Amino acid sequence: MVNPAGPGIKRAGESDPGGGQAPAGSQAPARDPLRALPRRALSIGEGMDYFPFLRRAYLFKGLTDDEIRLVAAVCAEEERDSGDVIFVEGSIADRFYIVMEGWVEVWKNYYDPKPDLLAVHGSGRFFGEMALIDELPRSATVVAKEKTRLLYLYRDDFRRLIRERSSIALSVMTGISYMVRNSNEAFVDDLRKRNAELERAYAQLKKAHSERLRTERLSTLGKFSSLILHDIRNPLSILKGQLQLMQMRLGEPEKLAGHIAASLAELSRLERLASEFLDYSRGEVRLDMVVTRPGEIFAKVEDAVAERLSKSGIALTKELRYDEPVILDAERVFRALLNVADNARKAMSRSGGVLTMKSYRDVDKLVLETADNGEGMSSEVLAHVFEPFYSASGQGGTGLGMLIVKNIVEAHGGTVRLGSKPGIGTRVLLSFPLRS
């Protein structure tokens, strides 16, 4: 019987009650095909007294001295050199063995490129008995790790003893049962250790993966720093110009009010840009959930883009089919819609058009939809639209807009769907779960 653990059965490098210390560094020995099925070993134990050895063997600890002498009378002995294959997995069993001196290794799939070492047996350990009991082929390959003395019983003698002496049969059954129990406990203990190692490895891998993502984000931010600085410089330039005009018109309250409004708009734009960069570099969106209505968010988007849409000849229409209170991060959903609206403006900037915003309920989801009749996008552009720093408009921007939209919606547990055709326009659907 092949057992990876049990009384007296230890892995390589561990102590064995019956045989001292197992040799360290057990590895698959060289697989010489000529030694795979060695010739029958010479019996060298004729006339020798095996009683003292068998008396100490665990398998026969419950037998009387007379019964042990019956066993000893049918035993024979053989010697094996290091690397000898004692029997091969799948072969027919004709005997079982007890290790007297030395060590043997038990291998599964021994001739495969990556065999598994199941056990190392030292002095007093027995193996190969199960194939004699269940009459099935050998379940493993056993190889001598070093020069080894083995005691063996032939199948017919073994069966006769257990048939004629119920005490011997009971002793064998008890020994096998004990080994199986200890084997199961060893397997469970080994499984627990492996699970603990896997959990530690998974935690380390997860930490390393998070760190890698963070490093990649920071690296990407550095690589595209010129693009980011360009996008920030534009509102700063406008803000500087407005402040200079305000300084020149301190005595004209009406004009000052217009310059202040324009300055505040550019400051809000800078604030949104900073928030987008921060969310991207952090790799997560931290939601601040509030109760709001789709109409309130649409109104805020309209106020933010109305002037720029008007300058490009673009009309804005709204359809509030669902305007009940909802729980969302209103500020971030506003930013998401603003990014989508700005993309639509760029797509219609050459010839004008209509930007439509709709809100409606789809079963248990709130859908915020935007549609434009601008240039549209090819399938190639659609395939890259959510990639960081990708932009096909040619009108500037960080290239983070749609990625930020996706991150915001998914942070709410929602989804983004997008459809577009060149020359027809683009339709974007942001779906959010309705929370009570």
Protein backbone atom coordinates (compact mmCIF):
# COMPACT_ATOMS: atom_id res chain seq x y z
CA MET A 1 0.00 0.00 0.00
CA VAL A 2 1.28 3.46 -0.88
CA ASN A 3 0.85 5.97 1.92
CA PRO A 4 2.45 9.43 2.01
CA ALA A 5 2.47 9.40 5.79
CA GLY A 6 1.82 7.13 8.74
CA PRO A 7 3.63 5.61 11.69
CA GLY A 8 7.25 5.32 10.75
CA ILE A 9 6.66 6.82 7.31
CA LYS A 10 8.32 10.17 6.88
CA ARG A 11 9.17 12.45 4.02
CA ALA A 12 12.76 12.89 2.97
CA GLY A 13 14.76 14.68 5.62
CA GLU A 14 12.43 13.82 8.53
CA SER A 15 13.10 11.45 11.39
CA ASP A 16 11.71 7.92 11.34
CA PRO A 17 11.03 5.97 14.53
CA GLY A 18 12.42 2.79 13.06
CA GLY A 19 15.28 4.06 10.98
CA GLY A 20 16.93 7.24 12.26
CA GLN A 21 17.13 10.16 9.81
CA ALA A 22 15.89 10.03 6.23
CA PRO A 23 18.46 11.18 3.65
CA ALA A 24 17.84 14.79 2.71
CA GLY A 25 17.21 16.10 -0.80
CA SER A 26 15.05 13.27 -2.15
CA GLN A 27 14.68 13.83 -5.87
CA ALA A 28 13.58 11.61 -8.71
CA PRO A 29 16.49 9.23 -9.39
CA ALA A 30 17.85 8.73 -12.87
CA ARG A 31 15.34 6.68 -14.87
CA ASP A 32 17.35 3.95 -16.55
CA PRO A 33 14.94 1.84 -18.66
CA LEU A 34 17.18 -1.20 -18.15
CA ARG A 35 16.49 -0.97 -14.41
CA ALA A 36 12.76 -0.39 -14.71
CA LEU A 37 11.95 -4.08 -14.30
CA PRO A 38 14.94 -5.66 -12.54
CA ARG A 39 15.43 -9.39 -12.60
CA ARG A 40 14.12 -11.30 -9.60
CA ALA A 41 16.43 -10.62 -6.67
CA LEU A 42 18.32 -13.48 -5.08
CA SER A 43 16.94 -14.69 -1.77
CA ILE A 44 19.77 -14.50 0.70
CA GLY A 45 17.87 -15.07 3.92
CA GLU A 46 17.41 -18.83 3.88
CA GLY A 47 17.99 -20.25 7.35
CA MET A 48 18.20 -16.78 8.94
CA ASP A 49 16.16 -15.87 12.01
CA TYR A 50 13.88 -12.88 11.24
CA PHE A 51 11.93 -13.23 14.47
CA PRO A 52 13.71 -10.38 16.37
CA PHE A 53 13.12 -7.97 13.50
CA LEU A 54 9.48 -8.94 12.94
CA ARG A 55 8.79 -8.75 16.67
CA ARG A 56 9.61 -5.01 16.48
CA ALA A 57 7.61 -4.38 13.27
CA TYR A 58 4.45 -2.35 13.79
CA LEU A 59 2.39 -4.53 11.46
CA PHE A 60 2.78 -7.59 13.72
CA LYS A 61 2.71 -5.95 17.13
CA GLY A 62 -0.53 -7.75 18.11
CA LEU A 63 0.70 -11.27 17.28
CA THR A 64 2.02 -13.92 19.62
CA ASP A 65 5.59 -15.14 19.33
CA ASP A 66 4.43 -18.39 17.70
CA GLU A 67 2.45 -16.48 15.07
CA ILE A 68 5.40 -14.24 14.31
CA ARG A 69 7.57 -17.35 13.84
CA LEU A 70 5.02 -18.63 11.30
CA VAL A 71 5.46 -15.39 9.37
CA ALA A 72 9.24 -15.49 9.70
CA ALA A 73 9.33 -19.03 8.31
CA VAL A 74 7.96 -17.90 4.92
CA CYS A 75 9.97 -14.67 4.63
CA ALA A 76 12.87 -14.19 2.27
CA GLU A 77 15.38 -11.38 1.96
CA GLU A 78 16.86 -9.40 -0.93
CA GLU A 79 19.23 -6.52 -1.39
CA ARG A 80 18.75 -3.59 -3.73
CA ASP A 81 21.27 -1.03 -4.88
CA SER A 82 20.55 2.70 -5.03
CA GLY A 83 18.27 3.43 -7.99
CA ASP A 84 16.90 -0.10 -8.36
CA VAL A 85 13.20 -0.18 -9.20
CA ILE A 86 11.58 -2.63 -6.80
CA PHE A 87 8.26 -2.65 -8.63
CA VAL A 88 6.54 -0.49 -11.24
CA GLU A 89 3.17 1.25 -11.13
CA GLY A 90 0.60 -0.83 -13.01
CA SER A 91 2.49 -4.11 -12.65
CA ILE A 92 0.99 -7.31 -11.21
CA ALA A 93 1.74 -7.82 -7.53
CA ASP A 94 3.45 -11.05 -6.42
CA ARG A 95 4.77 -10.04 -2.96
CA PHE A 96 4.81 -7.40 -0.27
CA TYR A 97 7.85 -5.93 1.46
CA ILE A 98 9.20 -4.75 4.79
CA VAL A 99 12.26 -2.49 4.91
CA MET A 100 15.01 -3.94 7.10
CA GLU A 101 17.79 -1.45 6.37
CA GLY A 102 18.03 1.60 4.11
CA TRP A 103 15.37 3.70 2.45
CA VAL A 104 12.92 3.35 -0.42
CA GLU A 105 10.98 6.08 -2.25
CA VAL A 106 7.39 5.78 -3.44
CA TRP A 107 6.68 7.64 -6.70
CA LYS A 108 3.54 8.37 -8.69
CA ASN A 109 3.97 8.70 -12.45
CA TYR A 110 7.64 7.88 -12.02
CA TYR A 111 8.47 7.93 -15.74
CA ASP A 112 6.68 11.21 -16.44
CA PRO A 113 8.71 14.43 -16.83
CA LYS A 114 7.43 15.63 -13.45
CA PRO A 115 6.81 12.64 -11.14
CA ASP A 116 5.38 13.04 -7.62
CA LEU A 117 7.22 11.72 -4.56
CA LEU A 118 4.56 10.31 -2.26
CA ALA A 119 6.60 8.87 0.60
CA VAL A 120 9.97 7.70 1.89
CA HIS A 121 9.95 4.43 3.89
CA GLY A 122 12.64 3.50 6.40
CA SER A 123 13.39 0.47 8.57
CA GLY A 124 10.30 -1.35 9.86
CA ARG A 125 7.93 0.08 7.26
CA PHE A 126 5.99 -2.20 4.93
CA PHE A 127 4.67 -1.53 1.44
CA GLY A 128 3.02 -3.31 -1.46
CA GLU A 129 0.49 -5.24 0.61
CA MET A 130 -2.68 -3.61 -0.79
CA ALA A 131 -2.18 -5.00 -4.28
CA LEU A 132 -2.10 -8.49 -2.75
CA ILE A 133 -5.37 -7.86 -0.90
CA ASP A 134 -7.45 -6.12 -3.59
CA GLU A 135 -5.78 -7.96 -6.51
CA LEU A 136 -5.39 -4.71 -8.43
CA PRO A 137 -2.22 -3.54 -10.23
CA ARG A 138 0.44 -1.69 -8.29
CA SER A 139 -0.61 1.91 -7.59
CA ALA A 140 2.90 3.39 -7.53
CA THR A 141 6.53 2.76 -8.37
CA VAL A 142 8.97 2.01 -5.52
CA VAL A 143 12.69 2.74 -5.92
CA ALA A 144 15.62 2.05 -3.60
CA LYS A 145 17.08 5.36 -2.51
CA GLU A 146 20.28 3.73 -1.30
CA LYS A 147 21.60 0.24 -0.73
CA THR A 148 18.64 -1.40 0.97
CA ARG A 149 17.77 -4.74 2.59
CA LEU A 150 14.19 -5.88 2.14
CA LEU A 151 12.18 -8.69 3.70
CA TYR A 152 9.32 -10.00 1.55
CA LEU A 153 6.45 -12.48 1.56
CA TYR A 154 5.12 -14.06 -1.62
CA ARG A 155 1.44 -13.56 -2.40
CA ASP A 156 0.43 -17.19 -1.90
CA ASP A 157 2.20 -17.44 1.48
CA PHE A 158 0.70 -14.13 2.60
CA ARG A 159 -2.84 -15.18 1.64
CA ARG A 160 -2.47 -18.58 3.26
CA LEU A 161 -1.36 -17.02 6.54
CA ILE A 162 -4.24 -14.56 6.73
CA ARG A 163 -6.70 -17.27 5.65
CA GLU A 164 -5.54 -19.81 8.23
CA ARG A 165 -4.80 -17.38 11.08
CA SER A 166 -7.53 -14.84 11.75
CA SER A 167 -5.28 -13.09 14.27
CA ILE A 168 -2.72 -12.41 11.53
CA ALA A 169 -5.48 -11.12 9.23
CA LEU A 170 -6.77 -8.88 12.03
CA SER A 171 -3.26 -7.61 12.75
CA VAL A 172 -2.74 -6.76 9.08
CA MET A 173 -6.14 -5.02 8.90
CA THR A 174 -5.39 -3.04 12.08
CA GLY A 175 -2.02 -1.95 10.74
CA ILE A 176 -3.47 -0.92 7.40
CA SER A 177 -6.35 0.94 9.08
CA TYR A 178 -3.95 2.82 11.33
CA MET A 179 -1.80 3.79 8.38
CA VAL A 180 -4.81 4.97 6.38
CA ARG A 181 -6.02 7.12 9.29
CA ASN A 182 -2.62 8.69 9.75
CA SER A 183 -2.30 9.09 6.01
CA ASN A 184 -5.62 10.96 5.86
CA GLU A 185 -4.60 13.20 8.75
CA ALA A 186 -1.29 13.91 7.05
CA PHE A 187 -3.05 14.75 3.79
CA VAL A 188 -5.49 17.09 5.55
CA ASP A 189 -2.66 18.75 7.46
CA ASP A 190 -0.65 19.11 4.27
CA LEU A 191 -3.72 20.53 2.51
CA ARG A 192 -4.21 23.10 5.28
CA LYS A 193 -0.58 24.14 5.00
CA ARG A 194 -0.83 24.40 1.22
CA ASN A 195 -4.04 26.45 1.51
CA ALA A 196 -2.35 28.79 3.98
CA GLU A 197 0.61 29.14 1.62
CA LEU A 198 -1.74 29.82 -1.30
CA GLU A 199 -3.60 32.45 0.71
CA ARG A 200 -0.32 34.16 1.61
CA ALA A 201 0.87 33.95 -1.99
CA TYR A 202 -2.46 35.32 -3.24
CA ALA A 203 -2.29 38.24 -0.80
CA GLN A 204 1.26 39.00 -1.91
CA LEU A 205 0.28 38.70 -5.57
CA LYS A 206 -2.72 40.97 -5.05
CA LYS A 207 -0.54 43.53 -3.30
CA ALA A 208 2.09 43.32 -6.04
CA HIS A 209 -0.60 43.65 -8.71
CA SER A 210 -2.08 46.73 -7.04
CA GLU A 211 1.37 48.25 -6.73
CA ARG A 212 2.08 47.49 -10.37
CA LEU A 213 -1.17 49.13 -11.47
CA ARG A 214 -0.35 52.17 -9.36
CA THR A 215 3.16 52.34 -10.82
CA GLU A 216 1.79 52.02 -14.35
CA ARG A 217 -0.70 54.82 -13.72
CA LEU A 218 1.98 57.11 -12.35
CA SER A 219 4.30 56.18 -15.22
CA THR A 220 1.57 56.90 -17.73
CA LEU A 221 0.83 60.21 -16.05
CA GLY A 222 4.50 61.12 -16.32
CA LYS A 223 4.64 60.06 -19.97
CA PHE A 224 1.68 62.25 -20.85
CA SER A 225 2.56 65.13 -18.54
CA SER A 226 2.97 67.52 -21.48
CA LEU A 227 -0.57 66.70 -22.64
CA ILE A 228 -1.96 67.21 -19.15
CA LEU A 229 -0.11 70.49 -18.65
CA HIS A 230 -1.40 71.71 -22.02
CA ASP A 231 -4.97 70.97 -20.96
CA ILE A 232 -4.48 72.81 -17.68
CA ARG A 233 -2.71 75.75 -19.31
CA ASN A 234 -5.72 76.65 -21.48
CA PRO A 235 -8.12 77.48 -18.63
CA LEU A 236 -5.27 79.18 -16.77
CA SER A 237 -4.64 81.42 -19.79
CA ILE A 238 -8.33 82.25 -20.03
CA LEU A 239 -8.50 82.91 -16.30
CA LYS A 240 -5.48 85.22 -16.50
CA GLY A 241 -7.06 87.13 -19.38
CA GLN A 242 -10.33 87.55 -17.50
CA LEU A 243 -8.53 88.85 -14.43
CA GLN A 244 -6.63 91.37 -16.59
CA LEU A 245 -9.89 92.57 -18.14
CA MET A 246 -11.43 92.86 -14.68
CA GLN A 247 -8.49 94.98 -13.59
CA MET A 248 -9.06 97.28 -16.56
CA ARG A 249 -12.81 97.62 -15.93
CA LEU A 250 -13.05 98.09 -12.21
CA GLY A 251 -15.54 100.90 -12.76
CA GLU A 252 -17.89 98.85 -14.96
CA PRO A 253 -19.93 96.55 -12.66
CA GLU A 254 -21.90 94.84 -15.44
CA LYS A 255 -18.78 93.86 -17.38
CA LEU A 256 -17.03 92.82 -14.15
CA ALA A 257 -19.87 90.42 -13.40
CA GLY A 258 -19.42 88.75 -16.77
CA HIS A 259 -15.66 88.39 -16.26
CA ILE A 260 -16.21 86.93 -12.77
CA ALA A 261 -18.69 84.38 -14.15
CA ALA A 262 -16.22 83.38 -16.87
CA SER A 263 -13.41 83.10 -14.33
CA LEU A 264 -15.50 80.91 -12.03
CA ALA A 265 -16.35 78.65 -14.99
CA GLU A 266 -12.67 78.19 -15.80
CA LEU A 267 -11.89 77.51 -12.15
CA SER A 268 -14.59 74.84 -12.11
CA ARG A 269 -13.05 73.35 -15.23
CA LEU A 270 -9.64 73.24 -13.54
CA GLU A 271 -11.19 71.64 -10.48
CA ARG A 272 -12.79 68.92 -12.62
CA LEU A 273 -9.49 68.24 -14.39
CA ALA A 274 -7.68 67.93 -11.07
CA SER A 275 -10.35 65.52 -9.79
CA GLU A 276 -10.07 63.37 -12.92
CA PHE A 277 -6.29 63.14 -12.63
CA LEU A 278 -6.59 62.30 -8.94
CA ASP A 279 -9.17 59.56 -9.55
CA TYR A 280 -7.05 58.05 -12.29
CA SER A 281 -3.77 58.12 -10.33
CA ARG A 282 -5.54 56.65 -7.27
CA GLY A 283 -7.09 53.88 -9.33
CA GLU A 284 -10.45 54.13 -7.59
CA VAL A 285 -13.51 56.36 -7.36
CA ARG A 286 -14.63 57.27 -3.84
CA LEU A 287 -18.35 57.94 -3.99
CA ASP A 288 -20.21 60.52 -1.93
CA MET A 289 -23.82 59.34 -2.24
CA VAL A 290 -26.65 61.86 -1.93
CA VAL A 291 -30.32 62.07 -2.83
CA THR A 292 -30.83 63.95 -6.07
CA ARG A 293 -32.98 64.01 -9.23
CA PRO A 294 -31.90 63.45 -12.85
CA GLY A 295 -33.39 66.85 -13.73
CA GLU A 296 -31.08 68.62 -11.25
CA ILE A 297 -28.00 66.97 -12.78
CA PHE A 298 -29.16 67.79 -16.32
CA ALA A 299 -29.71 71.43 -15.33
CA LYS A 300 -26.19 71.64 -13.94
CA VAL A 301 -24.73 70.14 -17.13
CA GLU A 302 -26.73 72.60 -19.23
CA ASP A 303 -25.42 75.57 -17.24
CA ALA A 304 -21.84 74.31 -17.66
CA VAL A 305 -21.94 73.73 -21.45
CA ALA A 306 -24.60 76.16 -22.70
CA GLU A 307 -22.20 78.93 -23.75
CA ARG A 308 -19.73 76.63 -25.52
CA LEU A 309 -22.56 74.76 -27.30
CA SER A 310 -24.06 78.04 -28.44
CA LYS A 311 -20.75 79.22 -29.89
CA SER A 312 -20.54 75.98 -31.92
CA GLY A 313 -24.13 76.25 -33.16
CA ILE A 314 -25.34 73.28 -31.16
CA ALA A 315 -28.81 73.05 -29.63
CA LEU A 316 -29.46 71.20 -26.37
CA THR A 317 -32.70 69.36 -25.66
CA LYS A 318 -33.78 67.46 -22.53
CA GLU A 319 -36.34 64.68 -22.05
CA LEU A 320 -37.06 63.90 -18.39
CA ARG A 321 -39.11 60.72 -18.60
CA TYR A 322 -37.95 59.78 -15.09
CA ASP A 323 -37.25 62.50 -12.54
CA GLU A 324 -37.86 60.79 -9.21
CA PRO A 325 -35.40 61.06 -6.30
CA VAL A 326 -32.39 58.76 -6.75
CA ILE A 327 -29.29 57.97 -4.67
CA LEU A 328 -26.12 58.83 -6.59
CA ASP A 329 -22.84 60.67 -6.26
CA ALA A 330 -24.37 63.70 -7.94
CA GLU A 331 -21.08 65.54 -8.44
CA ARG A 332 -19.37 62.64 -10.15
CA VAL A 333 -22.39 61.76 -12.32
CA PHE A 334 -22.43 65.43 -13.33
CA ARG A 335 -18.74 65.14 -14.30
CA ALA A 336 -19.45 61.99 -16.29
CA LEU A 337 -22.28 63.63 -18.23
CA LEU A 338 -20.16 66.74 -18.73
CA ASN A 339 -17.39 64.65 -20.31
CA VAL A 340 -19.89 62.95 -22.62
CA ALA A 341 -21.46 66.31 -23.54
CA ASP A 342 -18.05 67.82 -24.27
CA ASN A 343 -17.21 64.90 -26.58
CA ALA A 344 -20.52 65.47 -28.37
CA ARG A 345 -19.70 69.18 -28.76
CA LYS A 346 -16.36 68.34 -30.37
CA ALA A 347 -18.06 65.88 -32.74
CA MET A 348 -20.54 68.60 -33.90
CA SER A 349 -18.25 71.63 -33.77
CA ARG A 350 -17.77 71.87 -37.54
CA SER A 351 -21.41 72.02 -38.67
CA GLY A 352 -23.48 72.27 -35.50
CA GLY A 353 -26.22 69.86 -34.51
CA VAL A 354 -28.42 68.75 -31.63
CA LEU A 355 -27.38 67.23 -28.32
CA THR A 356 -30.19 65.35 -26.59
CA MET A 357 -30.17 64.26 -22.95
CA LYS A 358 -32.78 61.78 -21.70
CA SER A 359 -33.57 60.15 -18.37
CA TYR A 360 -35.81 57.11 -18.09
CA ARG A 361 -36.33 53.96 -16.07
CA ASP A 362 -35.45 50.52 -17.45
CA VAL A 363 -36.85 47.94 -14.99
CA ASP A 364 -34.68 48.48 -11.88
CA LYS A 365 -32.18 50.85 -13.50
CA LEU A 366 -31.97 54.57 -14.12
CA VAL A 367 -30.69 55.32 -17.63
CA LEU A 368 -29.15 58.67 -18.49
CA GLU A 369 -28.79 58.84 -22.25
CA THR A 370 -27.03 61.36 -24.48
CA ALA A 371 -27.25 61.40 -28.28
CA ASP A 372 -25.71 63.66 -30.92
CA ASN A 373 -25.80 63.85 -34.71
CA GLY A 374 -22.12 64.64 -35.10
CA GLU A 375 -19.28 62.95 -36.96
CA GLY A 376 -19.65 59.61 -35.25
CA MET A 377 -16.87 57.09 -34.65
CA SER A 378 -15.47 54.17 -36.60
CA SER A 379 -15.30 50.67 -35.12
CA GLU A 380 -11.54 51.15 -34.65
CA VAL A 381 -12.02 54.29 -32.57
CA LEU A 382 -14.81 52.60 -30.56
CA ALA A 383 -12.43 49.76 -29.68
CA HIS A 384 -10.05 52.22 -27.97
CA VAL A 385 -12.49 54.77 -26.57
CA PHE A 386 -12.06 53.66 -22.93
CA GLU A 387 -8.25 53.49 -23.04
CA PRO A 388 -6.40 56.12 -20.98
CA PHE A 389 -5.03 59.13 -22.88
CA TYR A 390 -6.64 58.03 -26.15
CA SER A 391 -8.22 60.85 -28.12
CA ALA A 392 -9.36 60.92 -31.74
CA SER A 393 -10.97 64.37 -31.80
CA GLY A 394 -7.86 66.41 -32.55
CA GLN A 395 -9.27 69.23 -30.38
CA GLY A 396 -7.24 68.65 -27.26
CA GLY A 397 -8.21 67.04 -24.00
CA THR A 398 -6.61 64.69 -21.52
CA GLY A 399 -7.81 61.51 -23.18
CA LEU A 400 -9.18 60.42 -19.80
CA GLY A 401 -12.76 61.57 -20.35
CA MET A 402 -14.48 58.30 -21.30
CA LEU A 403 -12.31 56.26 -18.93
CA ILE A 404 -13.45 58.53 -16.09
CA VAL A 405 -17.07 58.10 -17.25
CA LYS A 406 -16.70 54.31 -17.19
CA ASN A 407 -15.03 54.32 -13.77
CA ILE A 408 -17.71 56.55 -12.24
CA VAL A 409 -20.60 54.48 -13.59
CA GLU A 410 -19.01 51.14 -12.62
CA ALA A 411 -18.25 52.48 -9.12
CA HIS A 412 -22.05 52.88 -8.78
CA GLY A 413 -22.50 49.26 -9.92
CA GLY A 414 -23.75 50.40 -13.32
CA THR A 415 -22.75 49.94 -16.95
CA VAL A 416 -21.82 52.09 -19.93
CA ARG A 417 -23.10 51.29 -23.42
CA LEU A 418 -21.96 53.17 -26.45
CA GLY A 419 -22.99 53.07 -30.10
CA SER A 420 -21.75 55.18 -32.97
CA LYS A 421 -21.64 55.32 -36.75
CA PRO A 422 -19.54 57.66 -38.90
CA GLY A 423 -21.67 60.46 -40.37
CA ILE A 424 -24.69 59.60 -38.20
CA GLY A 425 -23.68 60.33 -34.61
CA THR A 426 -23.10 58.79 -31.22
CA ARG A 427 -25.37 57.49 -28.48
CA VAL A 428 -24.16 56.92 -24.90
CA LEU A 429 -26.23 55.16 -22.23
CA LEU A 430 -25.22 55.35 -18.56
CA SER A 431 -27.19 52.82 -16.48
CA PHE A 432 -27.32 53.06 -12.67
CA PRO A 433 -29.06 50.65 -10.28
CA LEU A 434 -31.99 52.27 -8.49
CA ARG A 435 -31.41 52.12 -4.74
CA SER A 436 -34.22 52.43 -2.22
